[in-house]
Structure formats: C-alpha cells, structure tokens
Amino acid sequence: MHAFDVLADPVRRRILELLAMGEHAWGEVVEVIAEEFEISQAAVSQHLKVLRDSGFASVRVEGGRAGSMWRRPSRCARSMNGWIDSGCSGHRGGAREKGPEKVAISGLGRGSGRAGGHGPYGAPSRRNPMATLPESRLRQMIDRFEQVEARMGVATDAKEIVQLSRDHAELRRIAEKAREVLLLRGQLAEAEQVIEDPGADRDFVNMAIEERGEIKAKLPDIEREMQLMLLPKDRDDDGSAILEVRAGTGGDEAALFAGDLWRMYQRYAQGRKWQVELVSATEGEMGGYKEVVAQINGPGVFGRMKFESGVHRVQRVPATESQGRVHTSAATVAILPVPEEVNIEVRDQDIRIDTYRSSGAGGQHVNKTDSAVRITHLPTNIVVTSSEKSQHENRRKAMEQLKIRLYERERDMKDTARSAARKLQVGSGDRSERIRTYNFPQGRVTDHRINFTAYNLDAFVQGDVDELMDALHAEDQAERLAQMENG
C-alpha cells in the first residue's frame, strides 16, 4: 500500500501521534483511539497492523508504556494532513531518532484526525491566496475606508457618528493590511523586472534576487492575514452572550458536573476581564446545579465562546460511588448572542407571567416573598425565569431573556436555511451534538469535532481553555477560507 493511502486515514495518523509521545500504556492508546473515533478496539488493532505492514512503526512495551521504533519509509511520503519525513527537510513536527536515521512526524498533532489539508492543532495549512486576492478587491477596501474617514468629518447625526466610528475602527486594520499587500506586490514586480533586465548591473541583480526571496517568504503570510480579515463576520461576534448550563443524564453527578462547567466558564470570563451576571440558578440536591443561566458581558464574548454549545460528557468516579466505578454523565451548554438592539415585539396577549418563591439553601437564604418571575411565550412555548430578590428587576431580566430567546430562534431559522449547503465540522451549535469528553481517570479532555486531545484536564477545568478554543476557531477559519477559494 502506498504511503499516501496508509496515512490518508485519520485513525492511523492519530495512532502514530500517540505512539510518538511514548507516554501512555498501550491499553490507554487503544482506549483513547476507540473512544475518539467511536470504533471497536479490534478495529484499532487492525489499523496498527496496517501501519506495521507498511513499515511505519513497530510497537514495543517498556515498563507498561507504549513505545515505538520508527522505520525509514522508502520515500518522503506526504499524507493528507502533513508529512512523514525520512530525510526531507523543511517540515515541522516531533522527531524520534534511532541510530543515524531521523524520522519526523508532522501535521499529526491534536486536531489532525481530520483530513483536508490542515496542520497541527486543526490550524489551516498555508495556501497561496494570491489568486483570490485581486488588486481591485484590495483597492475597493482602501476606497471604502477613505470614504468612511471623509464622512466622519462632516456627519452630525449622533447615531451615524457612532456607526461611522465602528466602521472606521474595523476598516482601518483592513485598509492598512491591503496597502501592505499592494506595496509588497509592487516591490516584488520591480525586483522581477530588474532580474529579467539583461542590461542591469550585476550587483543590482543580486540585490533584487535577495529582495525577491525576502518578499516571497513573507507575502503569503500577509496575504493570508488579509484573507482572514475579509471573511464574512457574524454580526453578533463582537457582542456579549448568554451562557446556559444544564445537567443532563447522570442524576446528581450530572448536576455536579454542570456546576464544574459553570465555574470553569466563570474563571475563563474573569481571566479575560469579562463581567458575569447571574440570571437564574437551580441547585442540585447533592450540590452543583440543575440549571444555570448567566449573561457574560464584554467585547467579543459570543464570537469567542460560540463553539462551546453542545453536549459535554464527563467520565469519572462520582463522590457518591462507593466501589470506585467510573460513571458517565453529561451536561448541555448553550451560548446565545446578546444583540445590541433586540427589535423583537412581544405582545401582552402572547405571554403569561407567573410569580413564585425562589428556592435556596435554607435558613436566611429562603426567599419569603413571591419575587421570582416566570414568563411563558405562548406561541412558541419558550419559558424564561429570573429569581433575584426584586420582583420588578426579575420582570425586567426575564423579559430581556425572552427577547433574546426569540431573537436566537429567528437567527437559528435563518442559519438552518443557510447551513443546508454549508455545515462546519467544527459544529453548528446544535445542542444535540456530543462535542467533548472530560475523562478524569486519564486526565484527558477530547473535543470530538476536531479530534483535539489534551492531557491537562486539571488546568482545563480551572478555565485554561484557550488552546482548544484557538484550535476550534482555526478550523472554522480553514473551512471558510476553503469555501472562499472554491467559490
């Protein structure tokens, strides 16, 4: 079997990655692969046999840990997702040396389980974007910025000035990058002209050759940055978000896990200087929460956290388990946008408002008045609650939540129509997806959408989630860039 065919399979690439780490017992490797790809352990063993037969690796066990002896492939073989390098230079990756031979494994990092030309951690591979960045488009961006800048000097309407200020701040970066791309392209064309001139001085030619090399080295990266700036933006990305965490299957353990997720997101928000406002919470009988709803306010909250929506699964020994057995529980997370202006009309005849007493921990915490508010939107059967001390404040908050839910419903209907032809593998935000597993016995967190696995679970649940969020956003950008290139 050709090396390309062997490594085209994401399961085999993932096996090679774990073997290269040399940090896990062989049984753990088989278990991780079987769970990540939802296949049997026998199927994992069959994939390993293919790797052995193809000359990529032979497995040995030292002290209960899985190790590997890498064999030199017959040629420098490129996989769908990177390179198995046996002498070819210029490719990044972890390396293992056995004697005089050095075999590097590139593009097989976390998140690389998906084929499609992406590098480690799900980041998009470098492509040449020059064909998709015509000069006319770049000049159009510069002209648009100059028009906004000119209009700012004469505008008198307050709302228009606010909107122009936002447009100016956003277009300024794009215009500066477009000018940089055009400048480099012009310098490259001048260097090429000197090189091709048969009457040019030799010293000038040598200088032009050097300059051309420098420009060609940095221009693709700058053009890719330009492409990312031109990707269509979700209008809600820059705004705040509603966070909803609900216990799923698993009883009391699910409520405890929901509490862990709530605290994880709280710490993450605090680390980014966002403000967290608790809207409502229902505590579990053994601790944790059956449901938590909060509003996270800050710039870019929704854009940063929107890929957290879905089913989060936990595997651990619950505090209530007396025999040390690992249980599997789940909680759901929903991230909803908070638009700056929710132009949703809610008619009085379409809602029912109920008041009730808030639940609490007992004693002085018991709410002795019917201050909690529940609003039911009859046409859609959407129910929202708020359980602070003031009934007036609860009415206001509950009505805000209802408008946000109705806005999200309208947004989802539009997104569903658009995503019929475009469904990102990063996730559509569908709450029914199982997106992530938190395995406490192994100290492992795995995101199943991009096959990202990290063994820093303790730090992760303390709010250190940027690495995974970066990988999700990189994958999203790669998908959208591919669509732009493909028209």
Protein backbone atom coordinates (compact mmCIF):
# COMPACT_ATOMS: atom_id res chain seq x y z
CA MET A 1 0.00 0.00 0.00
CA HIS A 2 1.33 3.45 -0.93
CA ALA A 3 2.36 5.70 1.97
CA PHE A 4 -0.21 8.29 0.88
CA ASP A 5 -3.00 5.70 1.17
CA VAL A 6 -1.76 4.49 4.55
CA LEU A 7 -1.67 7.96 6.08
CA ALA A 8 -4.83 9.22 4.43
CA ASP A 9 -6.73 7.52 7.25
CA PRO A 10 -7.11 9.85 10.28
CA VAL A 11 -7.20 6.91 12.73
CA ARG A 12 -3.72 5.80 11.67
CA ARG A 13 -2.36 9.32 11.90
CA ARG A 14 -3.75 9.60 15.43
CA ILE A 15 -2.18 6.25 16.40
CA LEU A 16 1.19 7.48 15.18
CA GLU A 17 0.84 10.65 17.21
CA LEU A 18 0.14 8.82 20.46
CA LEU A 19 2.94 6.32 19.81
CA ALA A 20 5.37 9.15 19.16
CA MET A 21 4.52 10.67 22.56
CA GLY A 22 5.55 7.42 24.30
CA GLU A 23 3.70 8.47 27.46
CA HIS A 24 0.75 6.10 27.56
CA ALA A 25 0.17 2.44 28.30
CA TRP A 26 -0.74 0.52 25.17
CA GLY A 27 -4.19 -0.21 26.59
CA GLU A 28 -4.73 3.53 27.06
CA VAL A 29 -3.75 4.19 23.45
CA VAL A 30 -6.28 1.65 22.18
CA GLU A 31 -8.97 3.01 24.51
CA VAL A 32 -8.37 6.64 23.51
CA ILE A 33 -8.45 5.86 19.78
CA ALA A 34 -11.56 3.67 20.10
CA GLU A 35 -13.42 6.38 22.01
CA GLU A 36 -12.33 9.33 19.87
CA PHE A 37 -13.34 7.67 16.61
CA GLU A 38 -16.16 5.55 18.07
CA ILE A 39 -14.79 2.26 16.73
CA SER A 40 -14.03 -1.05 18.39
CA GLN A 41 -10.66 -1.83 19.97
CA ALA A 42 -10.29 -4.67 17.48
CA ALA A 43 -10.59 -2.14 14.67
CA VAL A 44 -7.84 -0.05 16.29
CA SER A 45 -5.57 -3.10 16.34
CA GLN A 46 -6.30 -3.67 12.65
CA HIS A 47 -5.18 -0.12 11.86
CA LEU A 48 -1.95 -0.74 13.80
CA LYS A 49 -1.34 -3.87 11.74
CA VAL A 50 -1.60 -1.79 8.56
CA LEU A 51 0.99 0.64 9.94
CA ARG A 52 3.34 -2.22 10.83
CA ASP A 53 2.94 -3.91 7.46
CA SER A 54 3.59 -0.62 5.68
CA GLY A 55 6.86 -0.12 7.52
CA PHE A 56 5.96 2.96 9.52
CA ALA A 57 6.22 1.60 13.07
CA SER A 58 6.66 -1.44 15.23
CA VAL A 59 5.35 -1.31 18.77
CA ARG A 60 7.26 -2.33 21.84
CA VAL A 61 6.30 -2.04 25.51
CA GLU A 62 8.69 -0.79 28.18
CA GLY A 63 7.53 -0.71 31.78
CA GLY A 64 3.90 -0.89 30.74
CA ARG A 65 4.22 2.13 28.45
CA ALA A 66 3.75 2.05 24.72
CA GLY A 67 6.88 2.93 22.77
CA SER A 68 7.68 2.77 19.10
CA MET A 69 10.55 2.04 16.76
CA TRP A 70 10.25 4.11 13.63
CA ARG A 71 11.34 2.54 10.36
CA ARG A 72 12.59 4.55 7.44
CA PRO A 73 9.89 4.71 4.74
CA SER A 74 11.02 4.01 1.21
CA ARG A 75 10.45 7.65 0.17
CA CYS A 76 9.46 11.03 1.55
CA ALA A 77 5.74 10.42 1.81
CA ARG A 78 3.16 13.13 2.08
CA SER A 79 -0.04 12.35 3.90
CA MET A 80 -3.39 14.11 3.56
CA ASN A 81 -2.56 16.09 6.67
CA GLY A 82 1.19 16.51 6.74
CA TRP A 83 4.45 14.68 6.11
CA ILE A 84 6.18 11.55 7.29
CA ASP A 85 9.68 12.85 6.68
CA SER A 86 12.60 10.46 6.25
CA GLY A 87 15.23 12.87 5.10
CA CYS A 88 13.08 15.60 3.53
CA SER A 89 13.72 18.92 5.24
CA GLY A 90 11.62 21.94 5.99
CA HIS A 91 8.65 20.23 7.67
CA ARG A 92 7.75 20.81 11.28
CA GLY A 93 6.92 18.03 13.68
CA GLY A 94 8.04 15.91 16.58
CA ALA A 95 11.08 13.74 15.85
CA ARG A 96 12.43 10.43 17.14
CA GLU A 97 15.97 9.41 16.40
CA LYS A 98 17.05 5.78 16.11
CA GLY A 99 20.70 5.47 15.17
CA PRO A 100 21.69 7.63 12.19
CA GLU A 101 18.14 7.93 10.90
CA LYS A 102 15.77 10.73 11.87
CA VAL A 103 12.10 10.35 11.08
CA ALA A 104 9.90 13.37 11.82
CA ILE A 105 6.16 13.22 12.19
CA SER A 106 4.50 16.40 11.01
CA GLY A 107 0.90 17.51 10.82
CA LEU A 108 -0.13 14.75 13.21
CA GLY A 109 -0.82 16.91 16.23
CA ARG A 110 -4.03 17.17 18.17
CA GLY A 111 -6.83 18.12 15.91
CA SER A 112 -5.18 16.43 12.97
CA GLY A 113 -7.54 13.50 12.88
CA ARG A 114 -9.44 15.17 10.07
CA ALA A 115 -8.30 15.06 6.52
CA GLY A 116 -8.44 18.15 4.43
CA GLY A 117 -5.05 19.85 4.36
CA HIS A 118 -4.88 21.30 7.86
CA GLY A 119 -1.78 21.49 10.00
CA PRO A 120 -1.26 20.65 13.68
CA TYR A 121 -3.98 21.54 16.20
CA GLY A 122 -6.51 21.90 13.42
CA ALA A 123 -4.87 25.06 12.08
CA PRO A 124 -5.31 25.68 8.39
CA SER A 125 -2.36 24.82 6.20
CA ARG A 126 -0.68 27.59 4.28
CA ARG A 127 -2.14 28.03 0.87
CA ASN A 128 -1.25 30.55 -1.77
CA PRO A 129 -4.13 33.05 -1.60
CA MET A 130 -2.84 35.37 -4.33
CA ALA A 131 -5.38 34.14 -6.87
CA THR A 132 -8.25 35.02 -4.53
CA LEU A 133 -7.00 38.49 -3.61
CA PRO A 134 -7.27 40.54 -6.81
CA GLU A 135 -5.89 44.06 -6.74
CA SER A 136 -9.33 45.51 -7.47
CA ARG A 137 -10.70 43.98 -4.25
CA LEU A 138 -7.84 45.40 -2.19
CA ARG A 139 -8.28 48.88 -3.66
CA GLN A 140 -12.02 48.63 -3.02
CA MET A 141 -11.31 48.09 0.71
CA ILE A 142 -8.97 51.10 0.78
CA ASP A 143 -11.52 53.29 -1.03
CA ARG A 144 -14.25 52.24 1.40
CA PHE A 145 -12.08 53.21 4.38
CA GLU A 146 -11.27 56.59 2.86
CA GLN A 147 -14.98 57.23 2.22
CA VAL A 148 -15.85 56.47 5.85
CA GLU A 149 -12.98 58.65 7.06
CA ALA A 150 -14.17 61.54 4.89
CA ARG A 151 -17.78 61.13 6.04
CA MET A 152 -16.74 61.25 9.72
CA GLY A 153 -15.56 64.81 9.21
CA VAL A 154 -18.99 66.07 8.13
CA ALA A 155 -21.52 63.81 9.88
CA THR A 156 -23.72 65.46 12.53
CA ASP A 157 -26.27 62.77 13.43
CA ALA A 158 -25.29 61.02 16.68
CA LYS A 159 -26.29 57.51 15.56
CA GLU A 160 -24.47 57.92 12.26
CA ILE A 161 -21.32 59.11 14.04
CA VAL A 162 -21.37 56.05 16.32
CA GLN A 163 -21.79 53.71 13.35
CA LEU A 164 -19.08 55.51 11.34
CA SER A 165 -16.70 55.24 14.30
CA ARG A 166 -17.22 51.49 14.43
CA ASP A 167 -16.80 51.13 10.69
CA HIS A 168 -13.65 53.26 10.80
CA ALA A 169 -12.09 51.14 13.55
CA GLU A 170 -12.83 47.91 11.68
CA LEU A 171 -11.87 49.13 8.19
CA ARG A 172 -8.65 50.80 9.34
CA ARG A 173 -6.92 47.46 10.00
CA ILE A 174 -8.16 46.06 6.69
CA ALA A 175 -7.04 49.12 4.71
CA GLU A 176 -3.58 49.10 6.32
CA LYS A 177 -3.15 45.41 5.53
CA ALA A 178 -4.36 45.94 1.96
CA ARG A 179 -1.83 48.73 1.46
CA GLU A 180 0.90 46.46 2.81
CA VAL A 181 -0.05 43.70 0.36
CA LEU A 182 -0.10 46.11 -2.59
CA LEU A 183 3.27 47.60 -1.55
CA LEU A 184 4.92 44.17 -1.34
CA ARG A 185 3.43 43.10 -4.66
CA GLY A 186 4.77 46.28 -6.27
CA GLN A 187 8.23 45.71 -4.78
CA LEU A 188 8.17 42.10 -5.99
CA ALA A 189 7.27 43.20 -9.52
CA GLU A 190 10.11 45.75 -9.50
CA ALA A 191 12.61 43.13 -8.32
CA GLU A 192 11.47 40.71 -11.03
CA GLN A 193 11.89 43.46 -13.62
CA VAL A 194 15.49 44.12 -12.54
CA ILE A 195 16.32 40.40 -12.54
CA GLU A 196 14.93 39.92 -16.04
CA ASP A 197 16.70 43.01 -17.45
CA PRO A 198 19.71 41.72 -19.46
CA GLY A 199 21.42 45.11 -19.22
CA ALA A 200 21.12 45.51 -15.45
CA ASP A 201 24.20 45.82 -13.26
CA ARG A 202 25.16 42.50 -11.67
CA ASP A 203 25.21 43.98 -8.16
CA PHE A 204 21.68 45.33 -8.65
CA VAL A 205 20.55 41.92 -9.90
CA ASN A 206 21.99 40.19 -6.83
CA MET A 207 20.27 42.69 -4.56
CA ALA A 208 16.99 42.18 -6.43
CA ILE A 209 17.29 38.39 -6.11
CA GLU A 210 17.80 38.74 -2.35
CA GLU A 211 14.89 41.15 -2.04
CA ARG A 212 12.65 38.86 -4.08
CA GLY A 213 13.41 35.96 -1.75
CA GLU A 214 12.55 38.02 1.31
CA ILE A 215 9.27 39.24 -0.19
CA LYS A 216 8.23 35.78 -1.34
CA ALA A 217 8.92 34.45 2.15
CA LYS A 218 6.61 36.88 3.93
CA LEU A 219 3.99 37.78 1.32
CA PRO A 220 1.92 34.54 1.60
CA ASP A 221 1.51 35.03 5.37
CA ILE A 222 0.45 38.67 4.96
CA GLU A 223 -1.99 37.77 2.17
CA ARG A 224 -3.48 35.04 4.34
CA GLU A 225 -3.96 37.56 7.16
CA MET A 226 -5.68 39.78 4.60
CA GLN A 227 -7.96 36.90 3.59
CA LEU A 228 -8.93 36.23 7.19
CA MET A 229 -9.87 39.89 7.61
CA LEU A 230 -12.14 39.67 4.56
CA LEU A 231 -14.03 36.59 5.77
CA PRO A 232 -17.72 37.35 6.44
CA LYS A 233 -18.27 38.14 10.10
CA ASP A 234 -21.17 37.09 12.24
CA ARG A 235 -22.83 40.34 13.26
CA ASP A 236 -23.16 39.03 16.82
CA ASP A 237 -19.50 38.01 17.27
CA ASP A 238 -18.44 41.31 18.83
CA GLY A 239 -21.20 41.33 21.44
CA SER A 240 -21.98 39.74 24.78
CA ALA A 241 -23.52 36.29 25.28
CA ILE A 242 -25.95 34.29 27.37
CA LEU A 243 -24.45 31.16 28.93
CA GLU A 244 -26.81 28.31 29.80
CA VAL A 245 -25.55 25.18 31.57
CA ARG A 246 -27.98 22.36 32.32
CA ALA A 247 -27.48 18.95 33.90
CA GLY A 248 -28.22 16.09 31.51
CA THR A 249 -28.18 12.34 32.00
CA GLY A 250 -26.49 11.13 35.16
CA GLY A 251 -28.62 12.33 38.08
CA ASP A 252 -26.75 14.03 40.93
CA GLU A 253 -23.38 13.53 39.22
CA ALA A 254 -24.67 15.42 36.15
CA ALA A 255 -25.63 18.34 38.40
CA LEU A 256 -22.16 18.31 39.98
CA PHE A 257 -20.59 18.31 36.52
CA ALA A 258 -22.83 21.20 35.42
CA GLY A 259 -21.52 23.10 38.44
CA ASP A 260 -17.93 22.33 37.38
CA LEU A 261 -18.62 23.67 33.87
CA TRP A 262 -20.26 26.80 35.27
CA ARG A 263 -17.21 27.52 37.45
CA MET A 264 -14.88 26.77 34.52
CA TYR A 265 -16.57 29.39 32.36
CA GLN A 266 -16.70 31.84 35.27
CA ARG A 267 -12.92 31.58 35.70
CA TYR A 268 -12.38 31.90 31.97
CA ALA A 269 -14.51 35.04 31.84
CA GLN A 270 -12.70 36.54 34.83
CA GLY A 271 -9.35 35.89 33.15
CA ARG A 272 -10.50 37.88 30.11
CA LYS A 273 -11.90 40.73 32.27
CA TRP A 274 -15.49 39.99 31.24
CA GLN A 275 -18.38 40.67 33.60
CA VAL A 276 -20.58 37.74 34.61
CA GLU A 277 -24.15 38.47 35.69
CA LEU A 278 -26.11 35.55 37.13
CA VAL A 279 -29.67 35.48 35.79
CA SER A 280 -31.05 32.32 37.42
CA ALA A 281 -29.79 29.15 39.06
CA THR A 282 -31.37 25.93 40.31
CA GLU A 283 -29.16 23.98 42.70
CA GLY A 284 -28.83 20.20 42.73
CA GLU A 285 -29.75 18.11 45.76
CA MET A 286 -26.16 16.90 46.28
CA GLY A 287 -24.52 20.13 45.10
CA GLY A 288 -23.80 21.59 41.73
CA TYR A 289 -26.61 22.94 39.57
CA LYS A 290 -29.52 21.53 37.66
CA GLU A 291 -29.54 24.74 35.61
CA VAL A 292 -27.53 27.96 35.49
CA VAL A 293 -28.25 30.93 33.23
CA ALA A 294 -25.87 33.88 33.15
CA GLN A 295 -25.08 36.84 30.95
CA ILE A 296 -21.41 37.42 30.13
CA ASN A 297 -20.75 41.00 29.10
CA GLY A 298 -17.68 42.12 27.24
CA PRO A 299 -16.29 42.71 23.76
CA GLY A 300 -16.26 39.61 21.55
CA VAL A 301 -17.76 37.21 24.11
CA PHE A 302 -20.15 35.45 21.72
CA GLY A 303 -17.57 35.18 18.95
CA ARG A 304 -15.07 33.61 21.32
CA MET A 305 -17.41 31.17 23.08
CA LYS A 306 -19.97 30.23 20.43
CA PHE A 307 -18.36 26.84 19.69
CA GLU A 308 -18.94 25.72 23.31
CA SER A 309 -22.61 24.94 22.57
CA GLY A 310 -23.39 21.24 22.72
CA VAL A 311 -23.34 18.18 24.96
CA HIS A 312 -20.33 17.89 27.30
CA ARG A 313 -19.67 14.41 28.69
CA VAL A 314 -17.74 13.53 31.85
CA GLN A 315 -16.20 10.19 32.84
CA ARG A 316 -15.09 9.93 36.47
CA VAL A 317 -15.72 8.24 39.80
CA PRO A 318 -18.56 10.21 41.47
CA ALA A 319 -18.31 11.25 45.10
CA THR A 320 -21.38 9.08 45.75
CA GLU A 321 -19.76 5.96 44.25
CA SER A 322 -18.64 3.55 46.99
CA GLN A 323 -16.96 0.92 44.79
CA GLY A 324 -14.75 3.14 42.68
CA ARG A 325 -16.53 2.60 39.38
CA VAL A 326 -16.25 5.19 36.63
CA HIS A 327 -19.59 6.73 35.66
CA THR A 328 -20.52 8.66 32.54
CA SER A 329 -22.70 11.75 32.87
CA ALA A 330 -23.49 14.73 30.69
CA ALA A 331 -24.42 18.39 30.76
CA THR A 332 -25.53 20.71 27.98
CA VAL A 333 -24.06 24.13 27.26
CA ALA A 334 -25.75 26.78 25.13
CA ILE A 335 -24.18 30.08 24.08
CA LEU A 336 -26.69 32.64 22.80
CA PRO A 337 -25.85 36.07 21.36
CA VAL A 338 -26.96 39.26 23.09
CA PRO A 339 -27.58 41.72 20.25
CA GLU A 340 -27.09 45.40 20.94
CA GLU A 341 -30.68 46.13 19.98
CA VAL A 342 -33.29 43.38 20.12
CA ASN A 343 -36.08 44.59 17.86
CA ILE A 344 -38.49 41.83 18.87
CA GLU A 345 -42.10 42.75 19.53
CA VAL A 346 -43.70 40.82 22.39
CA ARG A 347 -47.44 41.36 22.68
CA ASP A 348 -49.08 41.21 26.10
CA GLN A 349 -51.63 38.65 24.91
CA ASP A 350 -48.78 36.32 23.83
CA ILE A 351 -47.22 35.92 27.28
CA ARG A 352 -48.20 34.52 30.67
CA ILE A 353 -46.39 35.85 33.75
CA ASP A 354 -46.23 33.76 36.94
CA THR A 355 -44.60 34.64 40.27
CA TYR A 356 -43.28 32.14 42.80
CA ARG A 357 -40.84 31.83 45.68
CA SER A 358 -37.18 31.26 44.84
CA SER A 359 -35.54 28.08 46.07
CA GLY A 360 -32.44 28.39 48.20
CA ALA A 361 -30.11 26.73 50.66
CA GLY A 362 -32.48 27.27 53.59
CA GLY A 363 -32.37 29.44 56.72
CA GLN A 364 -31.86 33.12 55.99
CA HIS A 365 -31.40 32.33 52.29
CA VAL A 366 -35.04 31.31 51.82
CA ASN A 367 -36.98 33.86 49.78
CA LYS A 368 -40.09 34.64 51.86
CA THR A 369 -41.95 36.53 49.10
CA ASP A 370 -43.15 35.60 45.63
CA SER A 371 -40.39 37.59 43.91
CA ALA A 372 -39.22 35.08 41.30
CA VAL A 373 -40.76 35.54 37.85
CA ARG A 374 -41.56 33.01 35.13
CA ILE A 375 -42.64 34.23 31.69
CA THR A 376 -44.11 31.84 29.13
CA HIS A 377 -44.31 32.87 25.48
CA LEU A 378 -47.47 31.10 24.38
CA PRO A 379 -46.93 30.98 20.56
CA THR A 380 -43.50 29.31 20.89
CA ASN A 381 -43.81 27.77 24.39
CA ILE A 382 -40.49 29.40 25.37
CA VAL A 383 -40.17 29.72 29.16
CA VAL A 384 -37.73 32.06 30.93
CA THR A 385 -37.22 32.73 34.63
CA SER A 386 -35.39 35.14 36.91
CA SER A 387 -35.05 34.61 40.64
CA GLU A 388 -33.32 37.61 42.19
CA LYS A 389 -34.73 39.39 45.26
CA SER A 390 -36.62 42.15 43.46
CA GLN A 391 -39.75 41.16 41.55
CA HIS A 392 -39.51 44.33 39.43
CA GLU A 393 -35.91 43.51 38.49
CA ASN A 394 -36.87 39.91 37.78
CA ARG A 395 -39.61 41.02 35.38
CA ARG A 396 -37.12 43.19 33.50
CA LYS A 397 -34.49 40.44 33.31
CA ALA A 398 -37.00 37.77 32.32
CA MET A 399 -38.39 39.96 29.52
CA GLU A 400 -34.85 40.60 28.26
CA GLN A 401 -34.17 36.85 28.26
CA LEU A 402 -37.40 36.18 26.39
CA LYS A 403 -36.47 38.67 23.66
CA ILE A 404 -33.01 37.14 23.39
CA ARG A 405 -34.52 33.64 23.06
CA LEU A 406 -36.92 34.84 20.37
CA TYR A 407 -34.03 36.55 18.58
CA GLU A 408 -31.99 33.34 18.75
CA ARG A 409 -34.94 31.35 17.43
CA GLU A 410 -35.26 33.70 14.46
CA ARG A 411 -31.49 33.57 13.94
CA ASP A 412 -31.48 29.75 14.05
CA MET A 413 -34.20 29.55 11.42
CA LYS A 414 -32.11 31.73 9.09
CA ASP A 415 -28.91 29.81 9.89
CA THR A 416 -30.61 26.48 9.20
CA ALA A 417 -31.55 27.63 5.73
CA ARG A 418 -28.01 28.88 5.06
CA SER A 419 -26.28 25.82 6.51
CA ALA A 420 -28.14 23.36 4.30
CA ALA A 421 -25.25 23.75 1.85
CA ARG A 422 -22.62 24.61 4.46
CA LYS A 423 -22.27 22.64 7.68
CA LEU A 424 -18.99 23.26 9.51
CA GLN A 425 -17.42 20.20 11.06
CA VAL A 426 -16.44 22.44 13.97
CA GLY A 427 -20.13 22.31 14.88
CA SER A 428 -23.31 24.06 14.00
CA GLY A 429 -24.23 24.86 17.59
CA ASP A 430 -26.79 22.05 17.55
CA ARG A 431 -27.36 21.22 21.22
CA SER A 432 -27.86 17.53 20.41
CA GLU A 433 -24.21 17.07 19.43
CA ARG A 434 -21.83 15.36 21.83
CA ILE A 435 -18.92 17.69 21.38
CA ARG A 436 -16.49 16.98 24.20
CA THR A 437 -15.42 14.37 26.76
CA TYR A 438 -13.74 15.10 30.10
CA ASN A 439 -12.03 11.87 31.26
CA PHE A 440 -10.78 12.38 34.82
CA PRO A 441 -9.05 8.97 35.35
CA GLN A 442 -6.82 9.72 32.34
CA GLY A 443 -6.61 13.48 32.93
CA ARG A 444 -7.79 13.89 29.36
CA VAL A 445 -10.10 16.28 27.53
CA THR A 446 -11.12 15.43 23.96
CA ASP A 447 -13.10 17.56 21.54
CA HIS A 448 -14.71 15.14 19.10
CA ARG A 449 -15.39 17.71 16.37
CA ILE A 450 -11.72 18.24 15.52
CA ASN A 451 -10.23 15.20 17.34
CA PHE A 452 -8.34 17.51 19.70
CA THR A 453 -6.97 15.77 22.80
CA ALA A 454 -5.02 17.34 25.65
CA TYR A 455 -3.83 15.81 28.92
CA ASN A 456 -4.15 18.95 31.05
CA LEU A 457 -7.66 18.36 32.38
CA ASP A 458 -6.95 19.84 35.82
CA ALA A 459 -5.86 23.15 34.29
CA PHE A 460 -8.64 22.98 31.69
CA VAL A 461 -11.47 22.85 34.23
CA GLN A 462 -9.82 25.77 36.03
CA GLY A 463 -10.53 27.90 32.96
CA ASP A 464 -7.39 27.32 30.88
CA VAL A 465 -9.33 26.60 27.68
CA ASP A 466 -7.72 28.99 25.20
CA GLU A 467 -5.70 26.32 23.38
CA LEU A 468 -8.82 24.38 22.45
CA MET A 469 -10.81 27.50 21.56
CA ASP A 470 -7.95 28.64 19.33
CA ALA A 471 -8.00 25.27 17.55
CA LEU A 472 -11.76 25.47 17.01
CA HIS A 473 -11.51 28.96 15.55
CA ALA A 474 -8.57 27.94 13.35
CA GLU A 475 -10.63 25.07 11.98
CA ASP A 476 -13.57 27.38 11.36
CA GLN A 477 -11.32 29.82 9.51
CA ALA A 478 -9.84 26.99 7.42
CA GLU A 479 -13.30 25.80 6.38
CA ARG A 480 -14.41 29.28 5.40
CA LEU A 481 -11.17 30.00 3.54
CA ALA A 482 -11.60 26.76 1.61
CA GLN A 483 -15.12 27.80 0.67
CA MET A 484 -13.89 31.22 -0.44
CA GLU A 485 -11.19 29.63 -2.61
CA ASN A 486 -13.65 27.18 -4.11
CA GLY A 487 -16.10 29.96 -4.92
